Protein backbone atom coordinates (compact mmCIF):
# COMPACT_ATOMS: atom_id res chain seq x y z
CA MET A 1 6.54 -17.81 -40.42
CA THR A 2 10.27 -18.35 -40.27
CA PRO A 3 11.36 -21.01 -37.78
CA ALA A 4 13.86 -19.92 -35.16
CA LEU A 5 15.87 -23.09 -35.77
CA PRO A 6 16.11 -23.95 -39.47
CA ILE A 7 15.64 -27.62 -40.29
CA PRO A 8 18.38 -28.94 -42.60
CA THR A 9 16.34 -30.08 -45.58
CA ASP A 10 19.27 -29.73 -47.97
CA ASN A 11 20.39 -33.26 -47.20
CA ILE A 12 18.28 -36.28 -46.22
CA PHE A 13 21.13 -37.74 -44.17
CA LYS A 14 21.43 -34.63 -42.00
CA PHE A 15 17.68 -34.68 -41.52
CA ALA A 16 17.75 -38.37 -40.51
CA CYS A 17 20.57 -37.74 -38.05
CA LEU A 18 18.79 -34.82 -36.41
CA PHE A 19 15.45 -36.65 -36.35
CA GLY A 20 17.17 -39.53 -34.57
CA LEU A 21 18.61 -37.12 -32.03
CA ALA A 22 15.15 -35.59 -31.54
CA LEU A 23 13.77 -39.10 -30.89
CA ILE A 24 16.44 -39.72 -28.29
CA VAL A 25 15.86 -36.41 -26.50
CA SER A 26 12.07 -36.78 -26.51
CA SER A 27 12.39 -40.36 -25.25
CA ILE A 28 14.55 -39.23 -22.36
CA PHE A 29 12.01 -36.51 -21.54
CA GLY A 30 9.21 -39.10 -21.75
CA PHE A 31 11.08 -41.49 -19.46
CA VAL A 32 11.61 -38.82 -16.82
CA SER A 33 7.96 -37.72 -17.02
CA ILE A 34 6.58 -41.25 -16.79
CA TYR A 35 8.97 -42.22 -14.00
CA THR A 36 8.02 -39.15 -11.96
CA SER A 37 4.27 -39.49 -12.42
CA SER A 38 4.20 -43.24 -11.75
CA LEU A 39 6.37 -42.78 -8.66
CA ASP A 40 3.95 -40.15 -7.37
CA ARG A 41 1.01 -42.50 -7.96
CA LYS A 42 2.75 -45.45 -6.32
CA VAL A 43 3.60 -43.36 -3.26
CA LYS A 44 0.01 -42.11 -3.01
CA TYR A 45 -1.40 -45.64 -3.35
CA SER A 46 1.14 -47.04 -0.89
CA GLU A 47 0.16 -44.46 1.72
CA THR A 48 -3.45 -45.60 1.38
CA VAL A 49 -2.44 -49.26 1.64
CA ILE A 50 -0.30 -48.63 4.73
CA ALA A 51 -3.12 -46.70 6.41
CA LEU A 52 -5.68 -49.41 5.64
CA GLU A 53 -3.42 -52.31 6.62
CA ALA A 54 -2.66 -50.63 9.95
CA LYS A 55 -6.30 -51.00 10.97
CA GLU A 56 -7.08 -54.21 12.78
CA GLN A 57 -10.79 -54.14 12.09
CA LYS A 58 -11.73 -53.20 8.52
CA THR A 59 -15.15 -52.64 7.09
CA LYS A 60 -16.17 -54.20 3.78
CA ALA A 61 -15.62 -50.85 2.01
CA GLU A 62 -12.14 -50.52 3.51
CA SER A 63 -11.23 -54.07 2.44
CA ASP A 64 -12.49 -53.36 -1.07
CA LEU A 65 -10.55 -50.08 -1.14
CA LEU A 66 -7.41 -51.94 0.02
CA ASP A 67 -7.79 -54.52 -2.76
CA LEU A 68 -8.49 -51.84 -5.33
CA THR A 69 -5.47 -49.79 -4.24
CA LYS A 70 -3.19 -52.85 -4.46
CA LYS A 71 -4.52 -53.50 -7.99
CA LEU A 72 -3.88 -49.87 -8.89
CA ILE A 73 -0.28 -50.25 -7.72
CA ASP A 74 0.09 -53.34 -9.94
CA VAL A 75 -1.51 -51.54 -12.91
CA THR A 76 0.77 -48.54 -12.39
CA LYS A 77 3.83 -50.83 -12.35
CA SER A 78 2.60 -52.60 -15.49
CA ASN A 79 1.96 -49.31 -17.28
CA GLU A 80 5.41 -48.10 -16.30
CA ARG A 81 7.02 -51.27 -17.71
CA THR A 82 5.06 -50.90 -20.96
CA ALA A 83 5.97 -47.22 -21.28
CA ASN A 84 9.62 -48.01 -20.57
CA SER A 85 9.55 -50.67 -23.30
CA VAL A 86 8.13 -48.19 -25.81
CA ILE A 87 10.69 -45.59 -24.74
CA GLY A 88 13.48 -48.17 -25.09
CA VAL A 89 12.36 -48.95 -28.65
CA SER A 90 12.21 -45.23 -29.44
CA VAL A 91 15.70 -44.66 -28.09
CA PHE A 92 16.99 -47.67 -30.03
CA PHE A 93 15.49 -46.41 -33.31
CA GLY A 94 16.69 -42.90 -32.53
CA ILE A 95 20.24 -44.13 -32.06
CA LEU A 96 20.06 -46.24 -35.23
CA LEU A 97 18.58 -43.43 -37.30
CA SER A 98 21.03 -40.87 -35.98
CA ALA A 99 24.03 -43.14 -36.52
CA TYR A 100 22.84 -44.10 -40.02
CA GLY A 101 22.27 -40.48 -40.97
CA ALA A 102 25.63 -39.33 -39.61
CA LEU A 103 27.53 -42.20 -41.23
CA MET A 104 25.85 -41.82 -44.62
CA TRP A 105 26.26 -38.05 -44.52
CA TYR A 106 29.97 -38.50 -43.85
CA LEU A 107 30.46 -41.17 -46.51
CA ALA A 108 28.24 -39.74 -49.25
CA VAL A 109 28.50 -36.00 -48.74
CA GLN A 110 31.38 -34.97 -46.51
CA LYS A 111 34.04 -37.05 -48.25
CA ARG A 112 32.97 -35.59 -51.60
CA ASP A 113 33.02 -32.06 -50.18
CA ASP A 114 36.46 -32.64 -48.65
CA LYS A 115 37.78 -33.89 -52.01
CA LEU A 116 36.29 -30.86 -53.76
CA VAL A 117 37.96 -28.49 -51.30
CA ALA A 118 41.28 -30.31 -51.71
CA LEU A 119 41.04 -30.00 -55.51
CA GLN A 120 40.17 -26.31 -55.25
CA LEU A 121 43.18 -25.76 -52.99
CA GLU A 122 45.42 -27.63 -55.41
CA LYS A 123 44.09 -25.55 -58.32
CA MET A 124 44.70 -22.32 -56.45
CA GLU A 125 48.24 -23.41 -55.50
CA ILE A 126 48.97 -24.13 -59.16
CA GLU A 127 47.59 -20.75 -60.20
CA ILE A 128 49.64 -18.98 -57.52
CA ALA A 129 52.78 -20.83 -58.61
CA LYS A 130 52.12 -19.81 -62.25
CA LEU A 131 51.62 -16.18 -61.24
CA ARG A 132 54.82 -16.21 -59.22
CA SER A 133 56.77 -17.69 -62.14
CA ASP A 134 55.31 -15.08 -64.49
CA LEU A 135 56.37 -12.31 -62.11
CA ALA A 136 59.86 -13.74 -61.75
CA LYS A 137 60.52 -13.68 -65.54
CA PRO A 138 62.47 -10.62 -66.65
CA THR A 139 60.18 -8.36 -68.62
CA THR A 140 61.40 -6.07 -71.34
CA THR A 141 59.64 -2.93 -72.40
CA LYS A 142 59.15 -1.70 -75.98
CA SER A 143 61.78 0.99 -75.64
CA GLU A 144 64.33 -1.57 -74.46
CA ASN A 145 63.44 -3.83 -77.39
CA LYS A 146 63.79 -0.90 -79.82
CA THR A 147 67.19 0.12 -78.51
CA ALA A 148 68.31 -3.46 -78.59
CA THR A 149 67.32 -3.81 -82.26
CA ASP A 150 68.81 -0.37 -83.15
CA ASN A 151 72.11 -1.34 -81.59
CA GLU A 152 72.19 -4.54 -83.56
CA GLY A 153 71.60 -2.88 -86.89
């Protein structure tokens, strides 16, 4: 199966740079997903808490449900903080990996390729100049050389 988007395996630095970018993008997606889901849970739990706290007389089950719902809100907040920490570390490593890959690719590969292209251009300019000088020289044919030698002798 041929992938729709080819992965650049020709150079480890390109791969590192793109893997870092993939980490960053997936971390952003993860952050949005976690933020949305935890917000939904917190809203749902808060609605329950508000409804239960509005009652003046609560049964034992309602008091237990209120305590449990408040704990669930705290757990949801704690889970969100933990997930955000993991996402922050992923983004940090993604940025580092991407920057390292891009910098090393530029220093180790691109500068060499640029020098090679410059040398090829210089070589072609020299060859073109040589061809132009060869074309500019007056050329004599065999018949002209023969008449020139016949006239001399």
